[in-house]
């Protein structure tokens, strides 16, 4: 089940009370934006990651609107995944994904590695 949470219209940040109320013992992933493309405001990423981890969920940060404007320290944020698009900082149109190695190793790989008996 996908749940949506409220945001504050005045500054376009996520309503952390609404987020906390939406988290249950079945929550597995919390995906959210680092910054608003509409207002330029920045969410409290570290606090959202803490809420996710307290529930046993993974934290997936979409940093596409923040990455070209500020430094990102995934270790300080303690996030599990962080994505952005290189074209936002004058790179090619491709996605960039950071993921914790121990989590990436648990995920199935789809059409990335050659299977035995098949050419690479």
PDB file of N, CA and C in Angstrom:
ATOM      1  N   UNK A   1       0.836  -1.172   0.000  1.00  0.00           N
ATOM      2  CA  UNK A   1       0.000   0.000   0.000  1.00  0.00           C
ATOM      3  C   UNK A   1       0.891   1.248   0.000  1.00  0.00           C
ATOM      4  N   UNK A   2       0.564   2.166  -0.842  1.00  0.00           N
ATOM      5  CA  UNK A   2       1.291   3.433  -0.910  1.00  0.00           C
ATOM      6  C   UNK A   2       0.499   4.477  -0.141  1.00  0.00           C
ATOM      7  N   UNK A   3       1.187   5.192   0.730  1.00  0.00           N
ATOM      8  CA  UNK A   3       0.556   6.259   1.508  1.00  0.00           C
ATOM      9  C   UNK A   3       1.195   7.586   1.127  1.00  0.00           C
ATOM     10  N   UNK A   4       0.389   8.599   1.072  1.00  0.00           N
ATOM     11  CA  UNK A   4       0.878   9.950   0.831  1.00  0.00           C
ATOM     12  C   UNK A   4       0.799  10.730   2.130  1.00  0.00           C
ATOM     13  N   UNK A   5       1.696  11.667   2.304  1.00  0.00           N
ATOM     14  CA  UNK A   5       1.679  12.505   3.504  1.00  0.00           C
ATOM     15  C   UNK A   5       1.494  13.964   3.099  1.00  0.00           C
ATOM     16  N   UNK A   6       1.047  14.736   4.050  1.00  0.00           N
ATOM     17  CA  UNK A   6       0.798  16.163   3.798  1.00  0.00           C
ATOM     18  C   UNK A   6       2.110  16.941   3.752  1.00  0.00           C
ATOM     19  N   UNK A   7       2.016  18.122   3.192  1.00  0.00           N
ATOM     20  CA  UNK A   7       3.143  19.051   3.208  1.00  0.00           C
ATOM     21  C   UNK A   7       2.617  20.409   3.633  1.00  0.00           C
ATOM     22  N   UNK A   8       3.533  21.282   4.011  1.00  0.00           N
ATOM     23  CA  UNK A   8       3.178  22.640   4.422  1.00  0.00           C
ATOM     24  C   UNK A   8       3.138  23.531   3.178  1.00  0.00           C
ATOM     25  N   UNK A   9       1.962  23.991   2.766  1.00  0.00           N
ATOM     26  CA  UNK A   9       1.864  24.826   1.556  1.00  0.00           C
ATOM     27  C   UNK A   9       2.693  26.108   1.627  1.00  0.00           C
ATOM     28  N   UNK A  10       2.904  26.627   2.821  1.00  0.00           N
ATOM     29  CA  UNK A  10       3.640  27.887   2.954  1.00  0.00           C
ATOM     30  C   UNK A  10       5.092  27.762   2.513  1.00  0.00           C
ATOM     31  N   UNK A  11       5.704  26.586   2.769  1.00  0.00           N
ATOM     32  CA  UNK A  11       7.115  26.447   2.402  1.00  0.00           C
ATOM     33  C   UNK A  11       7.431  25.153   1.634  1.00  0.00           C
ATOM     34  N   UNK A  12       6.417  24.366   1.343  1.00  0.00           N
ATOM     35  CA  UNK A  12       6.570  23.134   0.542  1.00  0.00           C
ATOM     36  C   UNK A  12       7.427  22.057   1.207  1.00  0.00           C
ATOM     37  N   UNK A  13       7.550  22.087   2.531  1.00  0.00           N
ATOM     38  CA  UNK A  13       8.272  21.020   3.231  1.00  0.00           C
ATOM     39  C   UNK A  13       7.279  19.967   3.686  1.00  0.00           C
ATOM     40  N   UNK A  14       7.778  18.747   3.871  1.00  0.00           N
ATOM     41  CA  UNK A  14       6.918  17.675   4.334  1.00  0.00           C
ATOM     42  C   UNK A  14       6.448  17.928   5.757  1.00  0.00           C
ATOM     43  N   UNK A  15       5.208  17.555   6.030  1.00  0.00           N
ATOM     44  CA  UNK A  15       4.653  17.645   7.375  1.00  0.00           C
ATOM     45  C   UNK A  15       5.106  16.398   8.122  1.00  0.00           C
ATOM     46  N   UNK A  16       6.085  16.545   9.001  1.00  0.00           N
ATOM     47  CA  UNK A  16       6.666  15.386   9.681  1.00  0.00           C
ATOM     48  C   UNK A  16       5.671  14.716  10.616  1.00  0.00           C
ATOM     49  N   UNK A  17       4.695  15.440  11.136  1.00  0.00           N
ATOM     50  CA  UNK A  17       3.638  14.834  11.937  1.00  0.00           C
ATOM     51  C   UNK A  17       2.776  13.916  11.090  1.00  0.00           C
ATOM     52  N   UNK A  18       2.442  14.361   9.891  1.00  0.00           N
ATOM     53  CA  UNK A  18       1.667  13.545   8.958  1.00  0.00           C
ATOM     54  C   UNK A  18       2.465  12.312   8.542  1.00  0.00           C
ATOM     55  N   UNK A  19       3.761  12.496   8.338  1.00  0.00           N
ATOM     56  CA  UNK A  19       4.618  11.359   7.986  1.00  0.00           C
ATOM     57  C   UNK A  19       4.654  10.348   9.122  1.00  0.00           C
ATOM     58  N   UNK A  20       4.892  10.813  10.339  1.00  0.00           N
ATOM     59  CA  UNK A  20       4.961   9.908  11.486  1.00  0.00           C
ATOM     60  C   UNK A  20       3.652   9.142  11.657  1.00  0.00           C
ATOM     61  N   UNK A  21       2.516   9.805  11.419  1.00  0.00           N
ATOM     62  CA  UNK A  21       1.208   9.157  11.552  1.00  0.00           C
ATOM     63  C   UNK A  21       0.979   8.113  10.462  1.00  0.00           C
ATOM     64  N   UNK A  22       1.622   8.272   9.319  1.00  0.00           N
ATOM     65  CA  UNK A  22       1.430   7.333   8.210  1.00  0.00           C
ATOM     66  C   UNK A  22       2.293   6.077   8.335  1.00  0.00           C
ATOM     67  N   UNK A  23       3.304   6.119   9.179  1.00  0.00           N
ATOM     68  CA  UNK A  23       4.215   4.985   9.337  1.00  0.00           C
ATOM     69  C   UNK A  23       3.564   3.931  10.230  1.00  0.00           C
ATOM     70  N   UNK A  24       3.602   2.681   9.760  1.00  0.00           N
ATOM     71  CA  UNK A  24       3.073   1.566  10.554  1.00  0.00           C
ATOM     72  C   UNK A  24       4.154   0.494  10.663  1.00  0.00           C
ATOM     73  N   UNK A  25       3.826  -0.586  11.333  1.00  0.00           N
ATOM     74  CA  UNK A  25       4.779  -1.688  11.441  1.00  0.00           C
ATOM     75  C   UNK A  25       4.947  -2.422  10.110  1.00  0.00           C
ATOM     76  N   UNK A  26       4.121  -2.079   9.139  1.00  0.00           N
ATOM     77  CA  UNK A  26       4.236  -2.675   7.799  1.00  0.00           C
ATOM     78  C   UNK A  26       5.016  -1.785   6.826  1.00  0.00           C
ATOM     79  N   UNK A  27       5.416  -0.614   7.260  1.00  0.00           N
ATOM     80  CA  UNK A  27       6.164   0.312   6.390  1.00  0.00           C
ATOM     81  C   UNK A  27       7.529  -0.277   6.080  1.00  0.00           C
ATOM     82  N   UNK A  28       7.861  -0.354   4.797  1.00  0.00           N
ATOM     83  CA  UNK A  28       9.128  -0.931   4.364  1.00  0.00           C
ATOM     84  C   UNK A  28      10.060   0.088   3.708  1.00  0.00           C
ATOM     85  N   UNK A  29       9.480   1.119   3.122  1.00  0.00           N
ATOM     86  CA  UNK A  29      10.273   2.116   2.397  1.00  0.00           C
ATOM     87  C   UNK A  29       9.608   3.472   2.544  1.00  0.00           C
ATOM     88  N   UNK A  30      10.418   4.479   2.833  1.00  0.00           N
ATOM     89  CA  UNK A  30       9.937   5.856   2.839  1.00  0.00           C
ATOM     90  C   UNK A  30      10.737   6.601   1.780  1.00  0.00           C
ATOM     91  N   UNK A  31      10.036   7.034   0.745  1.00  0.00           N
ATOM     92  CA  UNK A  31      10.665   7.746  -0.371  1.00  0.00           C
ATOM     93  C   UNK A  31      10.214   9.202  -0.313  1.00  0.00           C
ATOM     94  N   UNK A  32      11.162  10.117  -0.426  1.00  0.00           N
ATOM     95  CA  UNK A  32      10.839  11.533  -0.288  1.00  0.00           C
ATOM     96  C   UNK A  32      11.882  12.379  -0.985  1.00  0.00           C
ATOM     97  N   UNK A  33      11.503  13.614  -1.256  1.00  0.00           N
ATOM     98  CA  UNK A  33      12.405  14.554  -1.900  1.00  0.00           C
ATOM     99  C   UNK A  33      13.269  15.300  -0.902  1.00  0.00           C
ATOM    100  N   UNK A  34      14.504  15.514  -1.273  1.00  0.00           N
ATOM    101  CA  UNK A  34      15.440  16.288  -0.441  1.00  0.00           C
ATOM    102  C   UNK A  34      15.001  17.748  -0.407  1.00  0.00           C
ATOM    103  N   UNK A  35      14.631  18.267  -1.579  1.00  0.00           N
ATOM    104  CA  UNK A  35      14.256  19.676  -1.689  1.00  0.00           C
ATOM    105  C   UNK A  35      13.064  19.813  -2.625  1.00  0.00           C
ATOM    106  N   UNK A  36      12.344  20.912  -2.471  1.00  0.00           N
ATOM    107  CA  UNK A  36      11.189  21.193  -3.311  1.00  0.00           C
ATOM    108  C   UNK A  36      11.625  21.900  -4.590  1.00  0.00           C
ATOM    109  N   UNK A  37      11.150  21.412  -5.718  1.00  0.00           N
ATOM    110  CA  UNK A  37      11.441  22.108  -6.971  1.00  0.00           C
ATOM    111  C   UNK A  37      10.569  23.362  -7.106  1.00  0.00           C
ATOM    112  N   UNK A  38       9.462  23.411  -6.385  1.00  0.00           N
ATOM    113  CA  UNK A  38       8.561  24.560  -6.476  1.00  0.00           C
ATOM    114  C   UNK A  38       9.033  25.731  -5.614  1.00  0.00           C
ATOM    115  N   UNK A  39       9.486  25.427  -4.394  1.00  0.00           N
ATOM    116  CA  UNK A  39       9.843  26.506  -3.483  1.00  0.00           C
ATOM    117  C   UNK A  39      11.315  26.601  -3.146  1.00  0.00           C
ATOM    118  N   UNK A  40      12.067  25.555  -3.478  1.00  0.00           N
ATOM    119  CA  UNK A  40      13.489  25.556  -3.168  1.00  0.00           C
ATOM    120  C   UNK A  40      13.792  25.243  -1.714  1.00  0.00           C
ATOM    121  N   UNK A  41      12.770  24.912  -0.937  1.00  0.00           N
ATOM    122  CA  UNK A  41      12.987  24.598   0.473  1.00  0.00           C
ATOM    123  C   UNK A  41      13.517  23.181   0.633  1.00  0.00           C
ATOM    124  N   UNK A  42      14.171  22.939   1.748  1.00  0.00           N
ATOM    125  CA  UNK A  42      14.845  21.669   1.998  1.00  0.00           C
ATOM    126  C   UNK A  42      14.156  20.950   3.148  1.00  0.00           C
ATOM    127  N   UNK A  43      13.852  19.676   2.928  1.00  0.00           N
ATOM    128  CA  UNK A  43      13.255  18.856   3.981  1.00  0.00           C
ATOM    129  C   UNK A  43      14.302  18.477   5.025  1.00  0.00           C
ATOM    130  N   UNK A  44      13.838  18.123   6.205  1.00  0.00           N
ATOM    131  CA  UNK A  44      14.720  17.666   7.278  1.00  0.00           C
ATOM    132  C   UNK A  44      15.055  16.196   7.003  1.00  0.00           C
ATOM    133  N   UNK A  45      15.975  15.992   6.081  1.00  0.00           N
ATOM    134  CA  UNK A  45      16.310  14.655   5.592  1.00  0.00           C
ATOM    135  C   UNK A  45      16.754  13.745   6.733  1.00  0.00           C
ATOM    136  N   UNK A  46      17.627  14.231   7.562  1.00  0.00           N
ATOM    137  CA  UNK A  46      18.138  13.394   8.663  1.00  0.00           C
ATOM    138  C   UNK A  46      17.007  12.925   9.569  1.00  0.00           C
ATOM    139  N   UNK A  47      16.064  13.793   9.886  1.00  0.00           N
ATOM    140  CA  UNK A  47      14.939  13.420  10.756  1.00  0.00           C
ATOM    141  C   UNK A  47      14.039  12.394  10.064  1.00  0.00           C
ATOM    142  N   UNK A  48      13.800  12.557   8.782  1.00  0.00           N
ATOM    143  CA  UNK A  48      12.960  11.607   8.043  1.00  0.00           C
ATOM    144  C   UNK A  48      13.636  10.240   7.994  1.00  0.00           C
ATOM    145  N   UNK A  49      14.940  10.221   7.799  1.00  0.00           N
ATOM    146  CA  UNK A  49      15.689   8.961   7.821  1.00  0.00           C
ATOM    147  C   UNK A  49      15.567   8.304   9.195  1.00  0.00           C
ATOM    148  N   UNK A  50      15.655   9.100  10.254  1.00  0.00           N
ATOM    149  CA  UNK A  50      15.502   8.553  11.609  1.00  0.00           C
ATOM    150  C   UNK A  50      14.127   7.919  11.799  1.00  0.00           C
ATOM    151  N   UNK A  51      13.081   8.576  11.294  1.00  0.00           N
ATOM    152  CA  UNK A  51      11.731   8.014  11.387  1.00  0.00           C
ATOM    153  C   UNK A  51      11.638   6.692  10.624  1.00  0.00           C
ATOM    154  N   UNK A  52      12.235   6.647   9.447  1.00  0.00           N
ATOM    155  CA  UNK A  52      12.223   5.420   8.653  1.00  0.00           C
ATOM    156  C   UNK A  52      12.929   4.298   9.389  1.00  0.00           C
ATOM    157  N   UNK A  53      14.119   4.565   9.864  1.00  0.00           N
ATOM    158  CA  UNK A  53      14.903   3.514  10.520  1.00  0.00           C
ATOM    159  C   UNK A  53      14.264   3.063  11.833  1.00  0.00           C
ATOM    160  N   UNK A  54      13.617   3.976  12.548  1.00  0.00           N
ATOM    161  CA  UNK A  54      12.930   3.598  13.792  1.00  0.00           C
ATOM    162  C   UNK A  54      11.809   2.603  13.517  1.00  0.00           C
ATOM    163  N   UNK A  55      11.238   2.661  12.317  1.00  0.00           N
ATOM    164  CA  UNK A  55      10.168   1.742  11.927  1.00  0.00           C
ATOM    165  C   UNK A  55      10.710   0.488  11.241  1.00  0.00           C
ATOM    166  N   UNK A  56      12.031   0.426  11.063  1.00  0.00           N
ATOM    167  CA  UNK A  56      12.620  -0.712  10.364  1.00  0.00           C
ATOM    168  C   UNK A  56      12.504  -0.604   8.853  1.00  0.00           C
ATOM    169  N   UNK A  57      12.268   0.602   8.352  1.00  0.00           N
ATOM    170  CA  UNK A  57      12.094   0.834   6.916  1.00  0.00           C
ATOM    171  C   UNK A  57      13.362   1.431   6.304  1.00  0.00           C
ATOM    172  N   UNK A  58      13.449   1.302   5.001  1.00  0.00           N
ATOM    173  CA  UNK A  58      14.538   1.930   4.260  1.00  0.00           C
ATOM    174  C   UNK A  58      14.158   3.369   3.926  1.00  0.00           C
ATOM    175  N   UNK A  59      15.170   4.234   3.823  1.00  0.00           N
ATOM    176  CA  UNK A  59      14.969   5.635   3.458  1.00  0.00           C
ATOM    177  C   UNK A  59      15.550   5.866   2.063  1.00  0.00           C
ATOM    178  N   UNK A  60      14.694   6.314   1.145  1.00  0.00           N
ATOM    179  CA  UNK A  60      15.049   6.552  -0.258  1.00  0.00           C
ATOM    180  C   UNK A  60      14.887   8.048  -0.526  1.00  0.00           C
ATOM    181  N   UNK A  61      15.989   8.724  -0.761  1.00  0.00           N
ATOM    182  CA  UNK A  61      15.991  10.179  -0.913  1.00  0.00           C
ATOM    183  C   UNK A  61      16.144  10.552  -2.385  1.00  0.00           C
ATOM    184  N   UNK A  62      15.187  11.316  -2.889  1.00  0.00           N
ATOM    185  CA  UNK A  62      15.274  11.851  -4.242  1.00  0.00           C
ATOM    186  C   UNK A  62      15.918  13.224  -4.138  1.00  0.00           C
ATOM    187  N   UNK A  63      17.179  13.308  -4.524  1.00  0.00           N
ATOM    188  CA  UNK A  63      17.939  14.557  -4.394  1.00  0.00           C
ATOM    189  C   UNK A  63      18.104  15.292  -5.714  1.00  0.00           C
ATOM    190  N   UNK A  64      17.243  15.002  -6.686  1.00  0.00           N
ATOM    191  CA  UNK A  64      17.411  15.594  -8.012  1.00  0.00           C
ATOM    192  C   UNK A  64      17.397  17.121  -7.970  1.00  0.00           C
ATOM    193  N   UNK A  65      16.585  17.710  -7.102  1.00  0.00           N
ATOM    194  CA  UNK A  65      16.501  19.168  -7.063  1.00  0.00           C
ATOM    195  C   UNK A  65      17.493  19.795  -6.100  1.00  0.00           C
ATOM    196  N   UNK A  66      18.120  18.982  -5.268  1.00  0.00           N
ATOM    197  CA  UNK A  66      19.099  19.516  -4.320  1.00  0.00           C
ATOM    198  C   UNK A  66      20.540  19.346  -4.809  1.00  0.00           C
ATOM    199  N   UNK A  67      20.828  18.230  -5.455  1.00  0.00           N
ATOM    200  CA  UNK A  67      22.211  17.867  -5.809  1.00  0.00           C
ATOM    201  C   UNK A  67      23.014  18.971  -6.502  1.00  0.00           C
ATOM    202  N   UNK A  68      22.435  19.717  -7.425  1.00  0.00           N
ATOM    203  CA  UNK A  68      23.256  20.743  -8.072  1.00  0.00           C
ATOM    204  C   UNK A  68      23.494  21.991  -7.220  1.00  0.00           C
ATOM    205  N   UNK A  69      22.882  22.049  -6.042  1.00  0.00           N
ATOM    206  CA  UNK A  69      22.939  23.273  -5.246  1.00  0.00           C
ATOM    207  C   UNK A  69      23.676  23.165  -3.923  1.00  0.00           C
ATOM    208  N   UNK A  70      23.972  21.939  -3.482  1.00  0.00           N
ATOM    209  CA  UNK A  70      24.623  21.809  -2.185  1.00  0.00           C
ATOM    210  C   UNK A  70      25.322  20.479  -2.036  1.00  0.00           C
ATOM    211  N   UNK A  71      26.209  20.404  -1.069  1.00  0.00           N
ATOM    212  CA  UNK A  71      26.935  19.147  -0.844  1.00  0.00           C
ATOM    213  C   UNK A  71      26.014  18.084  -0.235  1.00  0.00           C
ATOM    214  N   UNK A  72      26.304  16.827  -0.524  1.00  0.00           N
ATOM    215  CA  UNK A  72      25.521  15.715   0.014  1.00  0.00           C
ATOM    216  C   UNK A  72      26.490  14.737   0.664  1.00  0.00           C
ATOM    217  N   UNK A  73      26.235  14.418   1.913  1.00  0.00           N
ATOM    218  CA  UNK A  73      27.032  13.444   2.652  1.00  0.00           C
ATOM    219  C   UNK A  73      26.100  12.310   3.058  1.00  0.00           C
ATOM    220  N   UNK A  74      26.082  11.236   2.277  1.00  0.00           N
ATOM    221  CA  UNK A  74      25.147  10.136   2.537  1.00  0.00           C
ATOM    222  C   UNK A  74      25.422   9.467   3.880  1.00  0.00           C
ATOM    223  N   UNK A  75      26.665   9.489   4.336  1.00  0.00           N
ATOM    224  CA  UNK A  75      26.975   8.894   5.641  1.00  0.00           C
ATOM    225  C   UNK A  75      26.391   9.744   6.768  1.00  0.00           C
ATOM    226  N   UNK A  76      26.495  11.051   6.667  1.00  0.00           N
ATOM    227  CA  UNK A  76      25.922  11.926   7.691  1.00  0.00           C
ATOM    228  C   UNK A  76      24.395  11.850   7.680  1.00  0.00           C
ATOM    229  N   UNK A  77      23.809  11.718   6.501  1.00  0.00           N
ATOM    230  CA  UNK A  77      22.352  11.596   6.395  1.00  0.00           C
ATOM    231  C   UNK A  77      21.878  10.229   6.872  1.00  0.00           C
ATOM    232  N   UNK A  78      22.744   9.223   6.769  1.00  0.00           N
ATOM    233  CA  UNK A  78      22.440   7.844   7.148  1.00  0.00           C
ATOM    234  C   UNK A  78      21.351   7.236   6.268  1.00  0.00           C
ATOM    235  N   UNK A  79      21.184   7.764   5.047  1.00  0.00           N
ATOM    236  CA  UNK A  79      20.146   7.242   4.155  1.00  0.00           C
ATOM    237  C   UNK A  79      20.566   5.900   3.563  1.00  0.00           C
ATOM    238  N   UNK A  80      19.580   5.153   3.115  1.00  0.00           N
ATOM    239  CA  UNK A  80      19.844   3.850   2.510  1.00  0.00           C
ATOM    240  C   UNK A  80      20.066   3.963   1.009  1.00  0.00           C
ATOM    241  N   UNK A  81      19.314   4.853   0.367  1.00  0.00           N
ATOM    242  CA  UNK A  81      19.436   5.106  -1.064  1.00  0.00           C
ATOM    243  C   UNK A  81      19.297   6.597  -1.302  1.00  0.00           C
ATOM    244  N   UNK A  82      20.015   7.098  -2.288  1.00  0.00           N
ATOM    245  CA  UNK A  82      19.890   8.499  -2.685  1.00  0.00           C
ATOM    246  C   UNK A  82      20.066   8.539  -4.190  1.00  0.00           C
ATOM    247  N   UNK A  83      19.159   9.227  -4.858  1.00  0.00           N
ATOM    248  CA  UNK A  83      19.205   9.308  -6.317  1.00  0.00           C
ATOM    249  C   UNK A  83      19.208  10.763  -6.771  1.00  0.00           C
ATOM    250  N   UNK A  84      19.759  10.967  -7.941  1.00  0.00           N
ATOM    251  CA  UNK A  84      19.682  12.274  -8.594  1.00  0.00           C
ATOM    252  C   UNK A  84      19.907  12.058 -10.084  1.00  0.00           C
ATOM    253  N   UNK A  85      19.806  13.110 -10.840  1.00  0.00           N
ATOM    254  CA  UNK A  85      20.007  13.054 -12.288  1.00  0.00           C
ATOM    255  C   UNK A  85      21.176  13.951 -12.662  1.00  0.00           C
ATOM    256  N   UNK A  86      22.122  13.391 -13.389  1.00  0.00           N
ATOM    257  CA  UNK A  86      23.335  14.133 -13.737  1.00  0.00           C
ATOM    258  C   UNK A  86      23.051  15.342 -14.622  1.00  0.00           C
ATOM    259  N   UNK A  87      21.973  15.316 -15.396  1.00  0.00           N
ATOM    260  CA  UNK A  87      21.706  16.459 -16.273  1.00  0.00           C
ATOM    261  C   UNK A  87      21.429  17.729 -15.476  1.00  0.00           C
ATOM    262  N   UNK A  88      21.042  17.584 -14.208  1.00  0.00           N
ATOM    263  CA  UNK A  88      20.781  18.758 -13.384  1.00  0.00           C
ATOM    264  C   UNK A  88      22.060  19.532 -13.081  1.00  0.00           C
ATOM    265  N   UNK A  89      23.215  18.862 -13.185  1.00  0.00           N
ATOM    266  CA  UNK A  89      24.481  19.580 -13.006  1.00  0.00           C
ATOM    267  C   UNK A  89      25.332  19.441 -14.266  1.00  0.00           C
ATOM    268  N   UNK A  90      24.669  19.611 -15.422  1.00  0.00           N
ATOM    269  CA  UNK A  90      25.280  19.689 -16.738  1.00  0.00           C
ATOM    270  C   UNK A  90      25.929  18.383 -17.196  1.00  0.00           C
ATOM    271  N   UNK A  91      25.457  17.260 -16.681  1.00  0.00           N
ATOM    272  CA  UNK A  91      25.919  15.949 -17.130  1.00  0.00           C
ATOM    273  C   UNK A  91      24.949  15.386 -18.149  1.00  0.00           C
ATOM    274  N   UNK A  92      25.158  14.151 -18.544  1.00  0.00           N
ATOM    275  CA  UNK A  92      24.249  13.513 -19.499  1.00  0.00           C
ATOM    276  C   UNK A  92      22.916  13.151 -18.831  1.00  0.00           C
ATOM    277  N   UNK A  93      21.928  12.840 -19.633  1.00  0.00           N
ATOM    278  CA  UNK A  93      20.619  12.426 -19.124  1.00  0.00           C
ATOM    279  C   UNK A  93      20.708  10.989 -18.636  1.00  0.00           C
ATOM    280  N   UNK A  94      21.120  10.846 -17.391  1.00  0.00           N
ATOM    281  CA  UNK A  94      21.176   9.526 -16.773  1.00  0.00           C
ATOM    282  C   UNK A  94      20.990   9.678 -15.285  1.00  0.00           C
ATOM    283  N   UNK A  95      20.555   8.601 -14.669  1.00  0.00           N
ATOM    284  CA  UNK A  95      20.328   8.621 -13.228  1.00  0.00           C
ATOM    285  C   UNK A  95      21.560   8.188 -12.472  1.00  0.00           C
ATOM    286  N   UNK A  96      21.684   8.692 -11.258  1.00  0.00           N
ATOM    287  CA  UNK A  96      22.779   8.339 -10.371  1.00  0.00           C
ATOM    288  C   UNK A  96      22.140   7.774  -9.102  1.00  0.00           C
ATOM    289  N   UNK A  97      22.594   6.608  -8.676  1.00  0.00           N
ATOM    290  CA  UNK A  97      22.057   5.983  -7.474  1.00  0.00           C
ATOM    291  C   UNK A  97      23.168   5.665  -6.498  1.00  0.00           C
ATOM    292  N   UNK A  98      22.999   6.130  -5.252  1.00  0.00           N
ATOM    293  CA  UNK A  98      23.830   5.654  -4.157  1.00  0.00           C
ATOM    294  C   UNK A  98      22.965   4.666  -3.396  1.00  0.00           C
ATOM    295  N   UNK A  99      23.556   3.553  -3.016  1.00  0.00           N
ATOM    296  CA  UNK A  99      22.861   2.599  -2.161  1.00  0.00           C
ATOM    297  C   UNK A  99      23.851   1.953  -1.216  1.00  0.00           C
ATOM    298  N   UNK A 100      23.385   1.673  -0.019  1.00  0.00           N
ATOM    299  CA  UNK A 100      24.252   0.955   0.926  1.00  0.00           C
ATOM    300  C   UNK A 100      24.604  -0.391   0.311  1.00  0.00           C
ATOM    301  N   UNK A 101      25.877  -0.731   0.322  1.00  0.00           N
ATOM    302  CA  UNK A 101      26.333  -1.960  -0.315  1.00  0.00           C
ATOM    303  C   UNK A 101      25.604  -3.181   0.241  1.00  0.00           C
ATOM    304  N   UNK A 102      25.444  -3.259   1.559  1.00  0.00           N
ATOM    305  CA  UNK A 102      24.788  -4.433   2.131  1.00  0.00           C
ATOM    306  C   UNK A 102      23.338  -4.565   1.668  1.00  0.00           C
ATOM    307  N   UNK A 103      22.666  -3.457   1.372  1.00  0.00           N
ATOM    308  CA  UNK A 103      21.306  -3.519   0.855  1.00  0.00           C
ATOM    309  C   UNK A 103      21.296  -3.848  -0.629  1.00  0.00           C
ATOM    310  N   UNK A 104      22.203  -3.232  -1.381  1.00  0.00           N
ATOM    311  CA  UNK A 104      22.274  -3.510  -2.818  1.00  0.00           C
ATOM    312  C   UNK A 104      22.547  -4.984  -3.080  1.00  0.00           C
ATOM    313  N   UNK A 105      23.357  -5.591  -2.231  1.00  0.00           N
ATOM    314  CA  UNK A 105      23.688  -7.011  -2.417  1.00  0.00           C
ATOM    315  C   UNK A 105      22.499  -7.927  -2.167  1.00  0.00           C
ATOM    316  N   UNK A 106      21.466  -7.442  -1.491  1.00  0.00           N
ATOM    317  CA  UNK A 106      20.288  -8.269  -1.223  1.00  0.00           C
ATOM    318  C   UNK A 106      19.229  -8.148  -2.314  1.00  0.00           C
ATOM    319  N   UNK A 107      19.355  -7.168  -3.187  1.00  0.00           N
ATOM    320  CA  UNK A 107      18.342  -6.927  -4.206  1.00  0.00           C
ATOM    321  C   UNK A 107      18.620  -7.747  -5.465  1.00  0.00           C
ATOM    322  N   UNK A 108      17.573  -8.263  -6.093  1.00  0.00           N
ATOM    323  CA  UNK A 108      17.791  -9.013  -7.335  1.00  0.00           C
ATOM    324  C   UNK A 108      18.241  -8.067  -8.449  1.00  0.00           C
ATOM    325  N   UNK A 109      19.122  -8.546  -9.271  1.00  0.00           N
ATOM    326  CA  UNK A 109      19.635  -7.759 -10.393  1.00  0.00           C
ATOM    327  C   UNK A 109      18.836  -8.142 -11.639  1.00  0.00           C
ATOM    328  N   UNK A 110      18.350  -7.158 -12.339  1.00  0.00           N
ATOM    329  CA  UNK A 110      17.547  -7.403 -13.526  1.00  0.00           C
ATOM    330  C   UNK A 110      18.253  -6.848 -14.760  1.00  0.00           C
ATOM    331  N   UNK A 111      18.635  -7.741 -15.648  1.00  0.00           N
ATOM    332  CA  UNK A 111      19.260  -7.390 -16.937  1.00  0.00           C
ATOM    333  C   UNK A 111      20.503  -6.512 -16.788  1.00  0.00           C
ATOM    334  N   UNK A 112      21.321  -6.812 -15.802  1.00  0.00           N
ATOM    335  CA  UNK A 112      22.564  -6.066 -15.644  1.00  0.00           C
ATOM    336  C   UNK A 112      23.747  -6.997 -15.826  1.00  0.00           C
ATOM    337  N   UNK A 113      23.671  -8.167 -15.221  1.00  0.00           N
ATOM    338  CA  UNK A 113      24.755  -9.131 -15.322  1.00  0.00           C
ATOM    339  C   UNK A 113      24.373 -10.256 -16.271  1.00  0.00           C
ATOM    340  N   UNK A 114      25.368 -10.792 -16.941  1.00  0.00           N
ATOM    341  CA  UNK A 114      25.110 -11.935 -17.826  1.00  0.00           C
ATOM    342  C   UNK A 114      24.843 -13.174 -16.993  1.00  0.00           C
ATOM    343  N   UNK A 115      23.899 -14.000 -17.457  1.00  0.00           N
ATOM    344  CA  UNK A 115      23.637 -15.276 -16.780  1.00  0.00           C
ATOM    345  C   UNK A 115      24.595 -16.316 -17.329  1.00  0.00           C
ATOM    346  N   UNK A 116      24.818 -17.373 -16.564  1.00  0.00           N
ATOM    347  CA  UNK A 116      25.695 -18.451 -17.017  1.00  0.00           C
ATOM    348  C   UNK A 116      25.230 -18.979 -18.359  1.00  0.00           C
ATOM    349  N   UNK A 117      26.165 -19.183 -19.221  1.00  0.00           N
ATOM    350  CA  UNK A 117      25.835 -19.721 -20.528  1.00  0.00           C
ATOM    351  C   UNK A 117      25.391 -18.668 -21.532  1.00  0.00           C
ATOM    352  N   UNK A 118      25.284 -17.436 -21.097  1.00  0.00           N
ATOM    353  CA  UNK A 118      24.895 -16.361 -21.998  1.00  0.00           C
ATOM    354  C   UNK A 118      26.053 -15.394 -22.151  1.00  0.00           C
ATOM    355  N   UNK A 119      26.244 -14.893 -23.364  1.00  0.00           N
ATOM    356  CA  UNK A 119      27.342 -13.924 -23.551  1.00  0.00           C
ATOM    357  C   UNK A 119      27.073 -12.630 -22.805  1.00  0.00           C
ATOM    358  N   UNK A 120      28.118 -11.990 -22.396  1.00  0.00           N
ATOM    359  CA  UNK A 120      27.992 -10.734 -21.654  1.00  0.00           C
ATOM    360  C   UNK A 120      27.488  -9.630 -22.534  1.00  0.00           C
TER     361      UNK A 120
END
